[in-house]
């Protein structure tokens, strides 16, 4: 099964399970674009933009969820920015200004100090 993001004003409203792009039913199908247009034309979505997505991120970088951004120019989905200091990388994933520690402990980001804070075990 394929998955499609329902998008309004560049923001994902929901993700649905739909028909694989290579399936043809009646006069619809045979391509991703055909199924995107079919779902977008449904009256309950009232002309929303629809884009195919995938769990493994092989399509449009990331598997989106409600509230995620659809960047049409980049053909990419990305999550809401977690902190003002974080930036998007080339894979459209948010990165902290300081890399996450690799010592095996759990950390949380402290925006005020711009550093990772070790969680108490």
Protein backbone atom coordinates (compact mmCIF):
# COMPACT_ATOMS: atom_id res chain seq x y z
CA UNK A 1 0.00 0.00 0.00
CA UNK A 2 1.09 3.54 -0.74
CA UNK A 3 0.80 6.53 1.57
CA UNK A 4 -0.25 10.04 0.65
CA UNK A 5 0.00 13.29 2.60
CA UNK A 6 -2.97 15.67 2.51
CA UNK A 7 -1.53 19.20 2.53
CA UNK A 8 -3.05 22.67 2.94
CA UNK A 9 -1.02 25.87 2.80
CA UNK A 10 2.20 23.86 2.95
CA UNK A 11 1.26 21.99 6.16
CA UNK A 12 0.40 18.29 6.32
CA UNK A 13 -3.11 17.72 7.72
CA UNK A 14 -3.07 13.95 7.62
CA UNK A 15 -1.50 10.94 5.93
CA UNK A 16 -3.69 8.30 4.32
CA UNK A 17 -3.11 4.79 3.03
CA UNK A 18 -3.95 4.60 -0.65
CA UNK A 19 -3.36 2.67 -3.82
CA UNK A 20 0.14 1.84 -5.11
CA UNK A 21 1.17 4.08 -7.98
CA UNK A 22 1.44 1.24 -10.50
CA UNK A 23 -2.17 0.12 -9.98
CA UNK A 24 -4.79 1.14 -12.54
CA UNK A 25 -8.46 1.19 -11.61
CA UNK A 26 -10.91 2.30 -14.25
CA UNK A 27 -9.49 5.45 -15.81
CA UNK A 28 -7.31 6.31 -12.81
CA UNK A 29 -3.81 5.18 -12.01
CA UNK A 30 -0.65 3.93 -13.52
CA UNK A 31 1.51 6.65 -11.95
CA UNK A 32 2.13 8.48 -8.70
CA UNK A 33 0.93 11.72 -10.23
CA UNK A 34 -2.37 10.16 -11.36
CA UNK A 35 -3.14 8.91 -7.85
CA UNK A 36 -2.10 12.20 -6.27
CA UNK A 37 -4.53 14.00 -8.58
CA UNK A 38 -7.27 11.45 -7.88
CA UNK A 39 -7.02 11.90 -4.09
CA UNK A 40 -6.72 15.70 -4.39
CA UNK A 41 -9.95 15.78 -6.41
CA UNK A 42 -12.01 14.08 -3.69
CA UNK A 43 -14.67 16.49 -2.40
CA UNK A 44 -13.91 15.89 1.29
CA UNK A 45 -10.39 17.29 0.77
CA UNK A 46 -11.75 20.30 -1.09
CA UNK A 47 -8.80 20.77 -3.43
CA UNK A 48 -5.97 20.05 -0.98
CA UNK A 49 -2.55 19.22 -2.37
CA UNK A 50 -1.72 15.50 -2.17
CA UNK A 51 1.79 14.07 -2.32
CA UNK A 52 3.02 10.47 -2.10
CA UNK A 53 5.27 9.65 0.87
CA UNK A 54 6.93 6.54 2.28
CA UNK A 55 7.71 5.07 5.71
CA UNK A 56 11.36 4.52 4.85
CA UNK A 57 11.95 8.08 3.61
CA UNK A 58 12.79 6.97 0.06
CA UNK A 59 10.23 9.44 -1.25
CA UNK A 60 10.54 13.13 -0.36
CA UNK A 61 13.18 12.59 2.36
CA UNK A 62 10.95 11.90 5.39
CA UNK A 63 7.65 10.25 6.30
CA UNK A 64 5.47 13.16 7.42
CA UNK A 65 2.89 13.51 10.12
CA UNK A 66 0.23 16.11 10.88
CA UNK A 67 1.82 19.53 11.34
CA UNK A 68 4.85 18.78 9.18
CA UNK A 69 5.88 21.17 6.42
CA UNK A 70 5.75 20.36 2.72
CA UNK A 71 8.45 22.30 0.84
CA UNK A 72 7.30 22.22 -2.77
CA UNK A 73 10.52 23.69 -4.18
CA UNK A 74 12.67 21.08 -2.42
CA UNK A 75 10.10 18.28 -2.91
CA UNK A 76 10.58 17.46 0.78
CA UNK A 77 8.67 16.91 4.02
CA UNK A 78 10.14 18.03 7.33
CA UNK A 79 9.06 18.15 10.98
CA UNK A 80 8.27 21.34 12.89
CA UNK A 81 11.41 23.06 14.14
CA UNK A 82 12.05 21.77 17.69
CA UNK A 83 14.14 24.75 18.85
CA UNK A 84 14.97 28.15 17.32
CA UNK A 85 18.70 27.37 17.19
CA UNK A 86 18.32 24.14 15.18
CA UNK A 87 18.83 24.10 11.41
CA UNK A 88 17.73 21.80 8.61
CA UNK A 89 20.39 19.57 7.11
CA UNK A 90 20.56 18.37 3.50
CA UNK A 91 18.20 15.49 4.33
CA UNK A 92 15.60 17.87 5.79
CA UNK A 93 16.18 16.75 9.37
CA UNK A 94 16.69 19.21 12.22
CA UNK A 95 20.18 19.37 13.71
CA UNK A 96 21.24 20.95 16.98
CA UNK A 97 24.13 23.43 16.87
CA UNK A 98 26.09 20.96 19.03
CA UNK A 99 26.19 17.25 18.09
CA UNK A 100 24.40 14.78 20.35
CA UNK A 101 26.89 13.10 22.74
CA UNK A 102 27.91 9.57 21.80
CA UNK A 103 28.79 8.30 25.28
CA UNK A 104 25.71 6.06 25.55
CA UNK A 105 23.85 8.28 28.03
CA UNK A 106 20.48 9.97 27.46
CA UNK A 107 20.38 13.73 27.00
CA UNK A 108 17.86 16.51 26.47
CA UNK A 109 18.50 19.77 24.67
CA UNK A 110 18.65 22.98 26.73
CA UNK A 111 17.97 25.90 24.40
CA UNK A 112 19.05 28.52 26.96
CA UNK A 113 22.56 27.15 27.37
CA UNK A 114 22.76 25.74 23.82
CA UNK A 115 23.95 22.36 25.08
CA UNK A 116 22.88 18.82 25.78
CA UNK A 117 22.01 18.09 29.41
CA UNK A 118 22.46 14.56 30.72
CA UNK A 119 19.27 12.97 32.06
CA UNK A 120 19.42 11.47 35.51
CA UNK A 121 19.06 7.69 35.50
